[in-house]
Protein backbone atom coordinates (compact mmCIF):
# COMPACT_ATOMS: atom_id res chain seq x y z
CA UNK A 1 -4.91 3.70 -4.68
CA UNK A 2 -4.39 3.98 -3.15
CA UNK A 3 -4.87 3.60 -2.97
CA UNK A 4 -5.22 6.12 -2.88
CA UNK A 5 -4.60 7.48 0.82
CA UNK A 6 -3.57 10.87 2.21
CA UNK A 7 0.21 11.21 2.60
CA UNK A 8 1.69 11.10 6.09
CA UNK A 9 0.56 14.43 7.54
CA UNK A 10 3.37 14.88 10.01
CA UNK A 11 6.31 14.09 7.78
CA UNK A 12 7.99 16.76 5.71
CA UNK A 13 7.65 15.83 2.04
CA UNK A 14 10.60 16.43 -0.19
CA UNK A 15 10.75 19.65 -2.11
CA UNK A 16 9.66 19.07 -5.67
CA UNK A 17 12.42 19.43 -8.25
CA UNK A 18 12.62 22.74 -10.05
CA UNK A 19 11.79 21.14 -13.38
CA UNK A 20 8.57 19.62 -11.99
CA UNK A 21 7.50 23.00 -10.67
CA UNK A 22 7.34 24.32 -14.24
CA UNK A 23 4.25 22.18 -14.78
CA UNK A 24 1.27 23.89 -13.16
CA UNK A 25 0.06 22.03 -10.07
CA UNK A 26 -3.50 21.96 -11.42
CA UNK A 27 -2.36 19.93 -14.41
CA UNK A 28 -0.48 17.50 -12.15
CA UNK A 29 -3.54 17.30 -9.90
CA UNK A 30 -5.67 16.37 -12.93
CA UNK A 31 -3.16 13.74 -14.08
CA UNK A 32 -3.06 12.24 -10.59
CA UNK A 33 -6.87 12.07 -10.47
CA UNK A 34 -6.97 10.26 -13.81
CA UNK A 35 -4.17 7.83 -12.88
CA UNK A 36 -5.78 6.85 -9.57
CA UNK A 37 -9.26 6.81 -11.11
CA UNK A 38 -8.12 4.38 -13.82
CA UNK A 39 -6.48 2.11 -11.22
CA UNK A 40 -9.74 0.26 -10.66
CA UNK A 41 -10.10 -0.42 -14.38
CA UNK A 42 -6.52 -1.71 -14.47
CA UNK A 43 -7.25 -4.04 -11.54
CA UNK A 44 -10.29 -5.40 -13.39
CA UNK A 45 -8.28 -6.08 -16.55
CA UNK A 46 -5.42 -7.61 -14.55
CA UNK A 47 -7.70 -10.11 -12.80
CA UNK A 48 -8.82 -11.44 -16.20
CA UNK A 49 -5.50 -13.33 -16.44
CA UNK A 50 -3.94 -13.29 -12.99
CA UNK A 51 -5.03 -14.28 -9.51
CA UNK A 52 -5.90 -11.35 -7.23
CA UNK A 53 -2.82 -11.90 -5.05
CA UNK A 54 -0.68 -11.82 -8.20
CA UNK A 55 -2.24 -8.55 -9.34
CA UNK A 56 -1.51 -7.05 -5.92
CA UNK A 57 2.04 -8.43 -6.07
CA UNK A 58 2.70 -6.89 -9.47
CA UNK A 59 1.31 -3.60 -8.23
CA UNK A 60 3.65 -3.28 -5.24
CA UNK A 61 6.63 -4.74 -7.13
CA UNK A 62 6.50 -2.21 -9.98
CA UNK A 63 5.55 0.56 -7.57
CA UNK A 64 8.62 -0.23 -5.45
CA UNK A 65 10.87 -0.28 -8.52
CA UNK A 66 9.55 3.13 -9.59
CA UNK A 67 10.20 4.71 -6.20
CA UNK A 68 13.59 3.04 -5.83
CA UNK A 69 14.56 4.54 -9.18
CA UNK A 70 13.66 7.98 -7.81
CA UNK A 71 15.79 7.33 -4.72
CA UNK A 72 18.75 6.25 -6.86
CA UNK A 73 18.52 9.42 -8.94
CA UNK A 74 18.33 11.52 -5.77
CA UNK A 75 21.06 9.45 -4.08
CA UNK A 76 18.77 9.16 -1.11
CA UNK A 77 19.17 6.19 1.27
CA UNK A 78 16.47 3.87 2.55
CA UNK A 79 15.43 4.16 6.21
CA UNK A 80 17.60 2.55 8.87
CA UNK A 81 16.91 0.77 12.12
CA UNK A 82 15.18 -2.50 12.92
CA UNK A 83 12.39 -0.78 14.79
CA UNK A 84 11.63 1.45 11.80
CA UNK A 85 11.55 -1.50 9.43
CA UNK A 86 9.29 -3.44 11.81
CA UNK A 87 6.80 -0.55 11.84
CA UNK A 88 7.09 -0.28 8.06
CA UNK A 89 6.24 -3.98 7.75
CA UNK A 90 2.98 -3.39 9.63
CA UNK A 91 2.28 -0.29 7.55
CA UNK A 92 2.90 -2.32 4.38
CA UNK A 93 0.36 -4.90 5.51
CA UNK A 94 -2.30 -2.32 6.33
CA UNK A 95 -1.75 0.16 3.49
CA UNK A 96 -0.65 -2.08 0.62
CA UNK A 97 -0.79 -5.85 1.04
CA UNK A 98 -4.28 -6.10 2.54
CA UNK A 99 -6.20 -3.37 0.65
CA UNK A 100 -4.60 -4.11 -2.74
CA UNK A 101 -5.45 -7.80 -2.37
CA UNK A 102 -8.98 -7.09 -1.15
CA UNK A 103 -9.73 -4.71 -4.03
CA UNK A 104 -8.43 -7.28 -6.50
CA UNK A 105 -10.63 -10.00 -5.01
CA UNK A 106 -13.64 -7.68 -4.88
CA UNK A 107 -13.41 -6.91 -8.60
CA UNK A 108 -13.84 -10.57 -9.44
CA UNK A 109 -17.53 -10.06 -8.70
CA UNK A 110 -18.30 -6.32 -8.68
CA UNK A 111 -17.79 -3.62 -11.33
CA UNK A 112 -14.67 -1.48 -11.18
CA UNK A 113 -16.92 1.58 -10.85
CA UNK A 114 -18.44 0.23 -7.62
CA UNK A 115 -14.98 -0.54 -6.25
CA UNK A 116 -13.96 3.05 -6.97
CA UNK A 117 -16.99 4.37 -5.11
CA UNK A 118 -16.28 2.08 -2.15
CA UNK A 119 -12.78 3.54 -2.07
CA UNK A 120 -14.34 6.97 -1.52
CA UNK A 121 -15.67 5.81 1.86
CA UNK A 122 -12.12 5.80 3.25
CA UNK A 123 -12.40 9.35 4.69
CA UNK A 124 -15.64 8.32 6.43
CA UNK A 125 -13.97 5.35 8.10
CA UNK A 126 -11.00 7.57 8.90
CA UNK A 127 -13.13 10.17 10.66
CA UNK A 128 -14.92 7.56 12.74
CA UNK A 129 -11.66 5.87 13.75
CA UNK A 130 -9.65 9.04 14.38
CA UNK A 131 -12.18 10.33 16.89
CA UNK A 132 -11.52 7.17 18.91
CA UNK A 133 -7.80 6.68 18.30
CA UNK A 134 -6.52 10.26 18.03
CA UNK A 135 -7.28 12.59 20.92
CA UNK A 136 -6.70 15.74 18.84
CA UNK A 137 -9.53 14.90 16.45
CA UNK A 138 -12.57 16.17 18.32
CA UNK A 139 -16.04 15.32 17.04
CA UNK A 140 -18.23 18.16 15.81
CA UNK A 141 -21.83 18.26 14.72
CA UNK A 142 -20.77 18.93 11.15
CA UNK A 143 -18.44 15.94 11.08
CA UNK A 144 -21.08 13.69 12.61
CA UNK A 145 -23.50 14.92 9.94
CA UNK A 146 -20.91 14.15 7.27
CA UNK A 147 -20.46 10.63 8.60
CA UNK A 148 -24.19 9.97 8.55
CA UNK A 149 -24.59 11.54 5.12
CA UNK A 150 -21.72 9.49 3.73
CA UNK A 151 -23.11 6.17 4.84
CA UNK A 152 -26.54 7.20 3.55
CA UNK A 153 -24.77 7.61 0.20
CA UNK A 154 -23.34 4.09 0.50
CA UNK A 155 -26.84 2.69 1.07
CA UNK A 156 -28.03 4.65 -1.98
CA UNK A 157 -25.28 3.23 -4.18
CA UNK A 158 -26.11 -0.28 -3.01
CA UNK A 159 -29.87 0.18 -3.54
CA UNK A 160 -30.84 -0.62 0.06
CA UNK A 161 -34.55 0.03 -0.60
CA UNK A 162 -34.48 -2.83 -3.14
CA UNK A 163 -32.94 -5.28 -0.69
CA UNK A 164 -29.47 -4.78 -2.27
CA UNK A 165 -30.66 -6.76 -5.31
CA UNK A 166 -28.13 -7.02 -8.14
CA UNK A 167 -25.22 -6.26 -5.81
CA UNK A 168 -22.70 -8.95 -4.92
CA UNK A 169 -22.57 -8.71 -1.14
CA UNK A 170 -19.21 -10.46 -0.74
CA UNK A 171 -17.42 -8.38 -3.36
CA UNK A 172 -18.86 -5.14 -1.99
CA UNK A 173 -17.91 -6.08 1.57
CA UNK A 174 -14.33 -6.82 0.46
CA UNK A 175 -14.07 -3.40 -1.26
CA UNK A 176 -15.43 -1.62 1.83
CA UNK A 177 -13.02 -3.58 4.03
CA UNK A 178 -10.15 -2.53 1.74
CA UNK A 179 -11.20 1.10 2.20
CA UNK A 180 -11.24 0.61 5.98
CA UNK A 181 -7.62 -0.63 5.88
CA UNK A 182 -6.32 2.78 4.75
CA UNK A 183 -7.35 4.90 7.77
CA UNK A 184 -6.27 2.12 10.15
CA UNK A 185 -2.90 2.11 8.42
CA UNK A 186 -2.51 5.89 8.49
CA UNK A 187 -3.41 6.07 12.18
CA UNK A 188 -0.73 3.43 12.82
CA UNK A 189 1.80 5.37 10.73
CA UNK A 190 0.94 8.59 12.52
CA UNK A 191 1.55 6.97 15.89
CA UNK A 192 4.74 5.08 15.03
CA UNK A 193 6.56 6.65 12.07
CA UNK A 194 5.76 10.37 12.27
CA UNK A 195 9.12 11.26 13.82
CA UNK A 196 11.24 8.86 11.77
CA UNK A 197 13.90 10.71 9.73
CA UNK A 198 13.77 10.41 5.95
CA UNK A 199 11.51 11.57 3.17
CA UNK A 200 8.07 10.05 2.53
CA UNK A 201 9.40 8.67 -0.76
CA UNK A 202 12.15 6.71 1.02
CA UNK A 203 9.75 5.42 3.66
CA UNK A 204 7.11 4.47 1.10
CA UNK A 205 9.68 2.82 -1.16
CA UNK A 206 10.81 0.66 1.77
CA UNK A 207 7.18 -0.02 2.65
CA UNK A 208 6.43 -1.24 -0.89
CA UNK A 209 9.53 -3.46 -0.79
CA UNK A 210 8.22 -5.11 2.36
CA UNK A 211 4.76 -5.48 0.84
CA UNK A 212 6.37 -7.17 -2.17
CA UNK A 213 7.98 -9.73 0.14
CA UNK A 214 4.70 -10.30 1.97
CA UNK A 215 2.77 -10.84 -1.25
CA UNK A 216 5.49 -13.09 -2.68
CA UNK A 217 5.02 -15.39 0.30
CA UNK A 218 1.22 -15.28 0.09
CA UNK A 219 1.15 -15.77 -3.68
CA UNK A 220 3.53 -18.73 -3.48
CA UNK A 221 1.36 -20.33 -0.79
CA UNK A 222 -2.09 -19.77 -2.31
CA UNK A 223 -1.69 -19.42 -6.09
CA UNK A 224 -0.01 -21.23 -8.95
CA UNK A 225 2.47 -19.57 -11.27
CA UNK A 226 0.80 -18.04 -14.35
CA UNK A 227 0.81 -20.35 -17.37
CA UNK A 228 1.03 -17.38 -19.75
CA UNK A 229 1.41 -13.61 -19.72
CA UNK A 230 -1.33 -12.07 -21.93
CA UNK A 231 -0.44 -8.64 -23.24
CA UNK A 232 -3.22 -6.39 -21.92
CA UNK A 233 -3.53 -7.86 -18.41
CA UNK A 234 0.26 -7.78 -18.06
CA UNK A 235 0.50 -4.16 -19.21
CA UNK A 236 -2.37 -3.29 -16.87
CA UNK A 237 -0.53 -4.71 -13.86
CA UNK A 238 2.71 -2.95 -14.82
CA UNK A 239 0.88 0.37 -15.28
CA UNK A 240 -1.02 -0.17 -12.03
CA UNK A 241 2.29 -0.47 -10.17
CA UNK A 242 4.62 1.92 -11.96
CA UNK A 243 2.04 4.65 -12.61
CA UNK A 244 -0.86 4.06 -10.23
CA UNK A 245 1.36 3.38 -7.21
CA UNK A 246 4.93 4.56 -7.79
CA UNK A 247 4.54 7.66 -9.96
CA UNK A 248 1.22 8.65 -8.37
CA UNK A 249 2.65 8.68 -4.84
CA UNK A 250 5.62 10.71 -6.02
CA UNK A 251 3.24 13.23 -7.64
CA UNK A 252 1.11 13.39 -4.52
CA UNK A 253 4.09 14.20 -2.32
CA UNK A 254 5.07 16.96 -4.76
CA UNK A 255 1.57 18.42 -4.55
CA UNK A 256 1.62 18.30 -0.75
CA UNK A 257 4.92 20.18 -0.75
CA UNK A 258 3.59 22.83 -3.15
CA UNK A 259 -0.06 23.42 -2.25
CA UNK A 260 -0.44 21.69 1.12
CA UNK A 261 -2.13 18.45 2.26
CA UNK A 262 -5.66 19.87 2.37
CA UNK A 263 -5.72 20.77 -1.31
CA UNK A 264 -3.72 17.70 -2.36
CA UNK A 265 -6.09 15.27 -0.66
CA UNK A 266 -9.03 16.68 -2.64
CA UNK A 267 -7.93 14.26 -5.36
CA UNK A 268 -9.84 11.62 -3.37
CA UNK A 269 -13.14 13.16 -4.46
CA UNK A 270 -12.38 12.87 -8.18
CA UNK A 271 -11.34 9.21 -8.12
CA UNK A 272 -14.85 7.64 -8.04
CA UNK A 273 -16.04 9.94 -10.82
CA UNK A 274 -13.18 8.89 -13.10
CA UNK A 275 -13.41 5.23 -12.04
CA UNK A 276 -17.12 5.17 -12.87
CA UNK A 277 -16.64 6.93 -16.21
CA UNK A 278 -13.81 4.59 -17.20
CA UNK A 279 -15.77 1.49 -16.21
CA UNK A 280 -18.86 2.53 -18.16
CA UNK A 281 -17.11 3.78 -21.31
CA UNK A 282 -14.25 1.27 -21.61
CA UNK A 283 -15.57 -1.86 -19.91
CA UNK A 284 -19.25 -1.47 -20.73
CA UNK A 285 -20.32 -1.61 -17.08
CA UNK A 286 -23.95 -0.76 -16.38
CA UNK A 287 -24.80 2.48 -14.61
CA UNK A 288 -28.08 2.99 -12.77
CA UNK A 289 -29.29 6.33 -11.45
CA UNK A 290 -28.59 5.45 -7.81
CA UNK A 291 -24.86 4.90 -8.48
CA UNK A 292 -23.90 8.50 -9.40
CA UNK A 293 -26.44 9.97 -6.97
CA UNK A 294 -25.16 7.82 -4.12
CA UNK A 295 -21.55 8.57 -5.05
CA UNK A 296 -22.27 12.32 -4.89
CA UNK A 297 -23.80 11.87 -1.43
CA UNK A 298 -20.78 9.83 -0.29
CA UNK A 299 -18.39 12.54 -1.49
CA UNK A 300 -20.43 15.30 0.16
CA UNK A 301 -20.36 13.40 3.44
CA UNK A 302 -16.64 12.73 3.12
CA UNK A 303 -16.00 16.43 2.51
CA UNK A 304 -17.95 17.35 5.65
CA UNK A 305 -15.94 14.91 7.76
CA UNK A 306 -12.72 16.67 6.75
CA UNK A 307 -13.83 20.07 8.11
CA UNK A 308 -12.38 21.17 11.44
CA UNK A 309 -12.78 24.07 13.80
CA UNK A 310 -10.62 27.04 12.92
């Protein structure tokens, strides 16, 4: 979850292998939606036995191993140059270390379904920030309307008319802050790494390696080593990294290469639906009418913010 964020728009993704192309892109799109949607459930299960920083560490560690395995098979090198690695370290902080940790901390006190819905606000933050930071993203009435509609949806999810009763303010704020990290990170990547040679898989693999180092330092400083490794939380963290981060990013880059970034990024709108369904059915989380209604409003607003003049 990347969370789930849109791949670097100005880099040329690698061409998907011929064997992968035999599987219809719609099926891979559905698998990617399910994998990223279940990521919030996996975070919730992981935090039952591990500290949030440790869950985030496991996520980037196993994600890095998955992508490095792809690079080994392809015989593709990691990026070179100190400047590139310095920019990747900042990208790792903004796109992995910070949001993964914040989502893990948020799910100590809020349902996984709410965290998934908060993740869907990322395009709203992105639109607001890009109009300030990126000169080519001009505001339009439709995009302004989408921004307003999206945040109205957030207020609906949180039950603003009830004084936000029943909602943990701190946990919700952490999840929204995690969602804000993604567009900040992608704007930084767009400004600093867009022209760097190498495939997105190589750059992201290096980025996850750096995030692993960052979280190793943070975990060593602020947490104690786990006393035990319970089966389900451990498997959840491994799946969160290898599938929800490593394999999912590889699938997303393949979709971008085949059907384009606009269609590929539509996966963002399915994530909260799957996250909510998984949380209710598998974790027994409560669902009130304002949650799905507000989520639908958020997604409609996010879709409007992605429209541009032809």
